[in-house]
């Protein structure tokens, strides 16, 4: 799913983004209005809920946050 996100950053739903983050060990830390904050260790990433798709800038944040882990997995 992460690979598809990178290929089509304009067509990523919030649910897909959340699944990818959680599969890489990120947990939902808190919600404030429409903003969801995920954390892992000392790092945080905030993604606003937007339908039907999140903005590509947040997809890039997710790709960066999960990129180092992806290299460790060998994908």
PDB file of N, CA and C in Angstrom:
ATOM      1  N   UNK A   1       0.823  -1.187   0.000  1.00  0.00           N
ATOM      2  CA  UNK A   1       0.000   0.000   0.000  1.00  0.00           C
ATOM      3  C   UNK A   1       0.873   1.260   0.000  1.00  0.00           C
ATOM      4  N   UNK A   2       2.022   1.198   0.689  1.00  0.00           N
ATOM      5  CA  UNK A   2       2.906   2.356   0.724  1.00  0.00           C
ATOM      6  C   UNK A   2       3.402   2.695  -0.680  1.00  0.00           C
ATOM      7  N   UNK A   3       3.683   1.688  -1.466  1.00  0.00           N
ATOM      8  CA  UNK A   3       4.163   1.915  -2.830  1.00  0.00           C
ATOM      9  C   UNK A   3       3.091   2.633  -3.660  1.00  0.00           C
ATOM     10  N   UNK A   4       1.831   2.228  -3.509  1.00  0.00           N
ATOM     11  CA  UNK A   4       0.741   2.876  -4.237  1.00  0.00           C
ATOM     12  C   UNK A   4       0.598   4.334  -3.805  1.00  0.00           C
ATOM     13  N   UNK A   5       0.811   4.594  -2.518  1.00  0.00           N
ATOM     14  CA  UNK A   5       0.738   5.972  -2.030  1.00  0.00           C
ATOM     15  C   UNK A   5       1.769   6.838  -2.736  1.00  0.00           C
ATOM     16  N   UNK A   6       2.971   6.313  -2.896  1.00  0.00           N
ATOM     17  CA  UNK A   6       4.022   7.066  -3.560  1.00  0.00           C
ATOM     18  C   UNK A   6       3.746   7.308  -5.027  1.00  0.00           C
ATOM     19  N   UNK A   7       3.053   6.358  -5.662  1.00  0.00           N
ATOM     20  CA  UNK A   7       2.752   6.487  -7.085  1.00  0.00           C
ATOM     21  C   UNK A   7       1.552   7.392  -7.343  1.00  0.00           C
ATOM     22  N   UNK A   8       0.620   7.437  -6.395  1.00  0.00           N
ATOM     23  CA  UNK A   8      -0.609   8.230  -6.564  1.00  0.00           C
ATOM     24  C   UNK A   8      -0.879   9.075  -5.319  1.00  0.00           C
ATOM     25  N   UNK A   9      -0.053  10.075  -5.046  1.00  0.00           N
ATOM     26  CA  UNK A   9      -0.224  10.850  -3.810  1.00  0.00           C
ATOM     27  C   UNK A   9      -1.499  11.689  -3.773  1.00  0.00           C
ATOM     28  N   UNK A  10      -2.134  11.904  -4.904  1.00  0.00           N
ATOM     29  CA  UNK A  10      -3.371  12.689  -4.923  1.00  0.00           C
ATOM     30  C   UNK A  10      -4.601  11.851  -4.629  1.00  0.00           C
ATOM     31  N   UNK A  11      -4.438  10.538  -4.484  1.00  0.00           N
ATOM     32  CA  UNK A  11      -5.593   9.649  -4.319  1.00  0.00           C
ATOM     33  C   UNK A  11      -5.448   8.775  -3.080  1.00  0.00           C
ATOM     34  N   UNK A  12      -5.006   9.348  -1.977  1.00  0.00           N
ATOM     35  CA  UNK A  12      -4.814   8.586  -0.747  1.00  0.00           C
ATOM     36  C   UNK A  12      -5.865   9.021   0.274  1.00  0.00           C
ATOM     37  N   UNK A  13      -6.657   8.075   0.735  1.00  0.00           N
ATOM     38  CA  UNK A  13      -7.664   8.394   1.743  1.00  0.00           C
ATOM     39  C   UNK A  13      -7.014   8.428   3.122  1.00  0.00           C
ATOM     40  N   UNK A  14      -7.697   9.042   4.065  1.00  0.00           N
ATOM     41  CA  UNK A  14      -7.182   9.101   5.431  1.00  0.00           C
ATOM     42  C   UNK A  14      -7.059   7.699   6.003  1.00  0.00           C
ATOM     43  N   UNK A  15      -8.016   6.826   5.710  1.00  0.00           N
ATOM     44  CA  UNK A  15      -7.984   5.453   6.222  1.00  0.00           C
ATOM     45  C   UNK A  15      -6.748   4.708   5.718  1.00  0.00           C
ATOM     46  N   UNK A  16      -6.390   4.901   4.456  1.00  0.00           N
ATOM     47  CA  UNK A  16      -5.186   4.267   3.908  1.00  0.00           C
ATOM     48  C   UNK A  16      -3.936   4.801   4.595  1.00  0.00           C
ATOM     49  N   UNK A  17      -3.888   6.101   4.779  1.00  0.00           N
ATOM     50  CA  UNK A  17      -2.732   6.716   5.436  1.00  0.00           C
ATOM     51  C   UNK A  17      -2.591   6.191   6.861  1.00  0.00           C
ATOM     52  N   UNK A  18      -3.700   6.084   7.546  1.00  0.00           N
ATOM     53  CA  UNK A  18      -3.669   5.587   8.926  1.00  0.00           C
ATOM     54  C   UNK A  18      -3.182   4.141   8.972  1.00  0.00           C
ATOM     55  N   UNK A  19      -3.661   3.306   8.055  1.00  0.00           N
ATOM     56  CA  UNK A  19      -3.223   1.908   8.016  1.00  0.00           C
ATOM     57  C   UNK A  19      -1.720   1.795   7.786  1.00  0.00           C
ATOM     58  N   UNK A  20      -1.202   2.609   6.879  1.00  0.00           N
ATOM     59  CA  UNK A  20       0.231   2.565   6.587  1.00  0.00           C
ATOM     60  C   UNK A  20       1.023   2.995   7.819  1.00  0.00           C
ATOM     61  N   UNK A  21       0.637   4.094   8.432  1.00  0.00           N
ATOM     62  CA  UNK A  21       1.357   4.557   9.613  1.00  0.00           C
ATOM     63  C   UNK A  21       1.326   3.503  10.722  1.00  0.00           C
ATOM     64  N   UNK A  22       0.166   2.935  10.972  1.00  0.00           N
ATOM     65  CA  UNK A  22       0.050   1.941  12.038  1.00  0.00           C
ATOM     66  C   UNK A  22       0.831   0.670  11.713  1.00  0.00           C
ATOM     67  N   UNK A  23       0.936   0.318  10.444  1.00  0.00           N
ATOM     68  CA  UNK A  23       1.703  -0.877  10.082  1.00  0.00           C
ATOM     69  C   UNK A  23       3.205  -0.660  10.277  1.00  0.00           C
ATOM     70  N   UNK A  24       3.633   0.597  10.335  1.00  0.00           N
ATOM     71  CA  UNK A  24       5.039   0.909  10.570  1.00  0.00           C
ATOM     72  C   UNK A  24       5.299   1.277  12.032  1.00  0.00           C
ATOM     73  N   UNK A  25       4.350   0.988  12.908  1.00  0.00           N
ATOM     74  CA  UNK A  25       4.564   1.183  14.334  1.00  0.00           C
ATOM     75  C   UNK A  25       4.136   2.523  14.899  1.00  0.00           C
ATOM     76  N   UNK A  26       3.512   3.368  14.098  1.00  0.00           N
ATOM     77  CA  UNK A  26       3.012   4.644  14.587  1.00  0.00           C
ATOM     78  C   UNK A  26       1.673   4.407  15.273  1.00  0.00           C
ATOM     79  N   UNK A  27       1.408   5.123  16.357  1.00  0.00           N
ATOM     80  CA  UNK A  27       0.143   4.992  17.063  1.00  0.00           C
ATOM     81  C   UNK A  27      -0.569   6.335  17.108  1.00  0.00           C
ATOM     82  N   UNK A  28      -1.881   6.269  17.125  1.00  0.00           N
ATOM     83  CA  UNK A  28      -2.677   7.482  17.221  1.00  0.00           C
ATOM     84  C   UNK A  28      -2.518   8.027  18.631  1.00  0.00           C
ATOM     85  N   UNK A  29      -1.924   9.189  18.725  1.00  0.00           N
ATOM     86  CA  UNK A  29      -1.603   9.803  20.011  1.00  0.00           C
ATOM     87  C   UNK A  29      -2.784  10.618  20.522  1.00  0.00           C
ATOM     88  N   UNK A  30      -3.316  11.462  19.655  1.00  0.00           N
ATOM     89  CA  UNK A  30      -4.478  12.267  20.051  1.00  0.00           C
ATOM     90  C   UNK A  30      -5.160  12.867  18.833  1.00  0.00           C
ATOM     91  N   UNK A  31      -6.390  13.315  19.068  1.00  0.00           N
ATOM     92  CA  UNK A  31      -7.171  13.982  18.026  1.00  0.00           C
ATOM     93  C   UNK A  31      -7.595  15.342  18.581  1.00  0.00           C
ATOM     94  N   UNK A  32      -7.547  16.340  17.732  1.00  0.00           N
ATOM     95  CA  UNK A  32      -8.027  17.656  18.111  1.00  0.00           C
ATOM     96  C   UNK A  32      -8.795  18.201  16.918  1.00  0.00           C
ATOM     97  N   UNK A  33     -10.097  18.190  17.024  1.00  0.00           N
ATOM     98  CA  UNK A  33     -10.923  18.592  15.884  1.00  0.00           C
ATOM     99  C   UNK A  33     -10.749  17.593  14.751  1.00  0.00           C
ATOM    100  N   UNK A  34     -10.292  18.090  13.610  1.00  0.00           N
ATOM    101  CA  UNK A  34     -10.098  17.208  12.462  1.00  0.00           C
ATOM    102  C   UNK A  34      -8.633  16.809  12.288  1.00  0.00           C
ATOM    103  N   UNK A  35      -7.786  17.131  13.253  1.00  0.00           N
ATOM    104  CA  UNK A  35      -6.365  16.810  13.153  1.00  0.00           C
ATOM    105  C   UNK A  35      -6.030  15.601  14.030  1.00  0.00           C
ATOM    106  N   UNK A  36      -5.371  14.635  13.410  1.00  0.00           N
ATOM    107  CA  UNK A  36      -4.982  13.412  14.085  1.00  0.00           C
ATOM    108  C   UNK A  36      -3.461  13.403  14.220  1.00  0.00           C
ATOM    109  N   UNK A  37      -2.984  13.184  15.440  1.00  0.00           N
ATOM    110  CA  UNK A  37      -1.540  13.172  15.669  1.00  0.00           C
ATOM    111  C   UNK A  37      -1.094  11.745  15.972  1.00  0.00           C
ATOM    112  N   UNK A  38      -0.149  11.286  15.187  1.00  0.00           N
ATOM    113  CA  UNK A  38       0.434   9.964  15.363  1.00  0.00           C
ATOM    114  C   UNK A  38       1.827  10.142  15.940  1.00  0.00           C
ATOM    115  N   UNK A  39       2.252   9.186  16.771  1.00  0.00           N
ATOM    116  CA  UNK A  39       3.585   9.284  17.355  1.00  0.00           C
ATOM    117  C   UNK A  39       4.253   7.924  17.373  1.00  0.00           C
ATOM    118  N   UNK A  40       5.569   7.989  17.392  1.00  0.00           N
ATOM    119  CA  UNK A  40       6.397   6.794  17.536  1.00  0.00           C
ATOM    120  C   UNK A  40       7.712   7.260  18.125  1.00  0.00           C
ATOM    121  N   UNK A  41       8.013   6.738  19.284  1.00  0.00           N
ATOM    122  CA  UNK A  41       9.200   7.223  19.988  1.00  0.00           C
ATOM    123  C   UNK A  41       9.002   8.692  20.333  1.00  0.00           C
ATOM    124  N   UNK A  42       9.912   9.530  19.932  1.00  0.00           N
ATOM    125  CA  UNK A  42       9.791  10.963  20.171  1.00  0.00           C
ATOM    126  C   UNK A  42       9.298  11.736  18.965  1.00  0.00           C
ATOM    127  N   UNK A  43       9.011  11.033  17.867  1.00  0.00           N
ATOM    128  CA  UNK A  43       8.582  11.699  16.632  1.00  0.00           C
ATOM    129  C   UNK A  43       7.067  11.795  16.560  1.00  0.00           C
ATOM    130  N   UNK A  44       6.592  12.849  15.903  1.00  0.00           N
ATOM    131  CA  UNK A  44       5.155  13.065  15.741  1.00  0.00           C
ATOM    132  C   UNK A  44       4.867  13.444  14.305  1.00  0.00           C
ATOM    133  N   UNK A  45       3.684  13.072  13.845  1.00  0.00           N
ATOM    134  CA  UNK A  45       3.206  13.506  12.535  1.00  0.00           C
ATOM    135  C   UNK A  45       1.716  13.801  12.683  1.00  0.00           C
ATOM    136  N   UNK A  46       1.284  14.949  12.201  1.00  0.00           N
ATOM    137  CA  UNK A  46      -0.114  15.362  12.297  1.00  0.00           C
ATOM    138  C   UNK A  46      -0.718  15.371  10.905  1.00  0.00           C
ATOM    139  N   UNK A  47      -1.888  14.739  10.799  1.00  0.00           N
ATOM    140  CA  UNK A  47      -2.582  14.666   9.516  1.00  0.00           C
ATOM    141  C   UNK A  47      -4.017  15.133   9.715  1.00  0.00           C
ATOM    142  N   UNK A  48      -4.441  16.144   8.962  1.00  0.00           N
ATOM    143  CA  UNK A  48      -5.837  16.574   9.067  1.00  0.00           C
ATOM    144  C   UNK A  48      -6.748  15.625   8.282  1.00  0.00           C
ATOM    145  N   UNK A  49      -7.902  15.351   8.853  1.00  0.00           N
ATOM    146  CA  UNK A  49      -8.897  14.508   8.185  1.00  0.00           C
ATOM    147  C   UNK A  49      -9.523  15.329   7.066  1.00  0.00           C
ATOM    148  N   UNK A  50      -9.415  14.840   5.871  1.00  0.00           N
ATOM    149  CA  UNK A  50      -9.960  15.535   4.703  1.00  0.00           C
ATOM    150  C   UNK A  50     -10.510  14.480   3.779  1.00  0.00           C
ATOM    151  N   UNK A  51     -11.708  14.690   3.287  1.00  0.00           N
ATOM    152  CA  UNK A  51     -12.333  13.700   2.420  1.00  0.00           C
ATOM    153  C   UNK A  51     -12.524  14.248   1.034  1.00  0.00           C
ATOM    154  N   UNK A  52     -12.414  13.471   0.004  1.00  0.00           N
ATOM    155  CA  UNK A  52     -12.171  12.022   0.044  1.00  0.00           C
ATOM    156  C   UNK A  52     -10.702  11.673   0.192  1.00  0.00           C
ATOM    157  N   UNK A  53      -9.790  12.608  -0.065  1.00  0.00           N
ATOM    158  CA  UNK A  53      -8.356  12.297  -0.018  1.00  0.00           C
ATOM    159  C   UNK A  53      -7.602  13.348   0.776  1.00  0.00           C
ATOM    160  N   UNK A  54      -6.516  12.905   1.413  1.00  0.00           N
ATOM    161  CA  UNK A  54      -5.665  13.868   2.115  1.00  0.00           C
ATOM    162  C   UNK A  54      -4.783  14.573   1.087  1.00  0.00           C
ATOM    163  N   UNK A  55      -4.248  15.706   1.475  1.00  0.00           N
ATOM    164  CA  UNK A  55      -3.403  16.473   0.561  1.00  0.00           C
ATOM    165  C   UNK A  55      -2.073  15.758   0.329  1.00  0.00           C
ATOM    166  N   UNK A  56      -1.510  15.899  -0.875  1.00  0.00           N
ATOM    167  CA  UNK A  56      -0.240  15.233  -1.195  1.00  0.00           C
ATOM    168  C   UNK A  56       0.914  15.601  -0.263  1.00  0.00           C
ATOM    169  N   UNK A  57       0.901  16.789   0.311  1.00  0.00           N
ATOM    170  CA  UNK A  57       1.979  17.179   1.225  1.00  0.00           C
ATOM    171  C   UNK A  57       2.026  16.240   2.430  1.00  0.00           C
ATOM    172  N   UNK A  58       0.872  15.795   2.913  1.00  0.00           N
ATOM    173  CA  UNK A  58       0.834  14.880   4.049  1.00  0.00           C
ATOM    174  C   UNK A  58       1.247  13.474   3.633  1.00  0.00           C
ATOM    175  N   UNK A  59       0.966  13.112   2.392  1.00  0.00           N
ATOM    176  CA  UNK A  59       1.430  11.827   1.876  1.00  0.00           C
ATOM    177  C   UNK A  59       2.955  11.820   1.857  1.00  0.00           C
ATOM    178  N   UNK A  60       3.550  12.925   1.457  1.00  0.00           N
ATOM    179  CA  UNK A  60       5.014  13.022   1.453  1.00  0.00           C
ATOM    180  C   UNK A  60       5.578  12.909   2.869  1.00  0.00           C
ATOM    181  N   UNK A  61       4.897  13.510   3.841  1.00  0.00           N
ATOM    182  CA  UNK A  61       5.328  13.385   5.238  1.00  0.00           C
ATOM    183  C   UNK A  61       5.301  11.918   5.679  1.00  0.00           C
ATOM    184  N   UNK A  62       4.252  11.220   5.296  1.00  0.00           N
ATOM    185  CA  UNK A  62       4.124   9.800   5.655  1.00  0.00           C
ATOM    186  C   UNK A  62       5.221   8.987   4.977  1.00  0.00           C
ATOM    187  N   UNK A  63       5.478   9.271   3.709  1.00  0.00           N
ATOM    188  CA  UNK A  63       6.509   8.539   2.979  1.00  0.00           C
ATOM    189  C   UNK A  63       7.876   8.762   3.631  1.00  0.00           C
ATOM    190  N   UNK A  64       8.151   9.974   4.056  1.00  0.00           N
ATOM    191  CA  UNK A  64       9.414  10.272   4.728  1.00  0.00           C
ATOM    192  C   UNK A  64       9.482   9.572   6.080  1.00  0.00           C
ATOM    193  N   UNK A  65       8.388   9.619   6.832  1.00  0.00           N
ATOM    194  CA  UNK A  65       8.364   9.028   8.168  1.00  0.00           C
ATOM    195  C   UNK A  65       8.497   7.509   8.132  1.00  0.00           C
ATOM    196  N   UNK A  66       8.047   6.880   7.070  1.00  0.00           N
ATOM    197  CA  UNK A  66       8.102   5.420   6.975  1.00  0.00           C
ATOM    198  C   UNK A  66       9.199   4.938   6.041  1.00  0.00           C
ATOM    199  N   UNK A  67       9.919   5.837   5.398  1.00  0.00           N
ATOM    200  CA  UNK A  67      10.929   5.462   4.412  1.00  0.00           C
ATOM    201  C   UNK A  67      12.109   4.707   4.975  1.00  0.00           C
ATOM    202  N   UNK A  68      12.611   5.147   6.119  1.00  0.00           N
ATOM    203  CA  UNK A  68      13.767   4.478   6.709  1.00  0.00           C
ATOM    204  C   UNK A  68      13.401   3.070   7.130  1.00  0.00           C
ATOM    205  N   UNK A  69      12.203   2.873   7.633  1.00  0.00           N
ATOM    206  CA  UNK A  69      11.751   1.545   8.037  1.00  0.00           C
ATOM    207  C   UNK A  69      11.574   0.652   6.839  1.00  0.00           C
ATOM    208  N   UNK A  70      11.122   1.230   5.734  1.00  0.00           N
ATOM    209  CA  UNK A  70      10.889   0.462   4.526  1.00  0.00           C
ATOM    210  C   UNK A  70      12.207  -0.108   3.997  1.00  0.00           C
ATOM    211  N   UNK A  71      13.284   0.655   4.097  1.00  0.00           N
ATOM    212  CA  UNK A  71      14.587   0.178   3.653  1.00  0.00           C
ATOM    213  C   UNK A  71      15.081  -0.963   4.530  1.00  0.00           C
ATOM    214  N   UNK A  72      14.776  -0.900   5.822  1.00  0.00           N
ATOM    215  CA  UNK A  72      15.164  -1.977   6.737  1.00  0.00           C
ATOM    216  C   UNK A  72      14.409  -3.261   6.433  1.00  0.00           C
ATOM    217  N   UNK A  73      13.163  -3.133   5.974  1.00  0.00           N
ATOM    218  CA  UNK A  73      12.357  -4.300   5.650  1.00  0.00           C
ATOM    219  C   UNK A  73      12.785  -4.934   4.334  1.00  0.00           C
ATOM    220  N   UNK A  74      13.528  -4.182   3.532  1.00  0.00           N
ATOM    221  CA  UNK A  74      13.998  -4.715   2.258  1.00  0.00           C
ATOM    222  C   UNK A  74      13.001  -4.577   1.141  1.00  0.00           C
ATOM    223  N   UNK A  75      12.036  -3.675   1.290  1.00  0.00           N
ATOM    224  CA  UNK A  75      11.025  -3.470   0.237  1.00  0.00           C
ATOM    225  C   UNK A  75      11.418  -2.360  -0.687  1.00  0.00           C
TER     226      UNK A  75
END
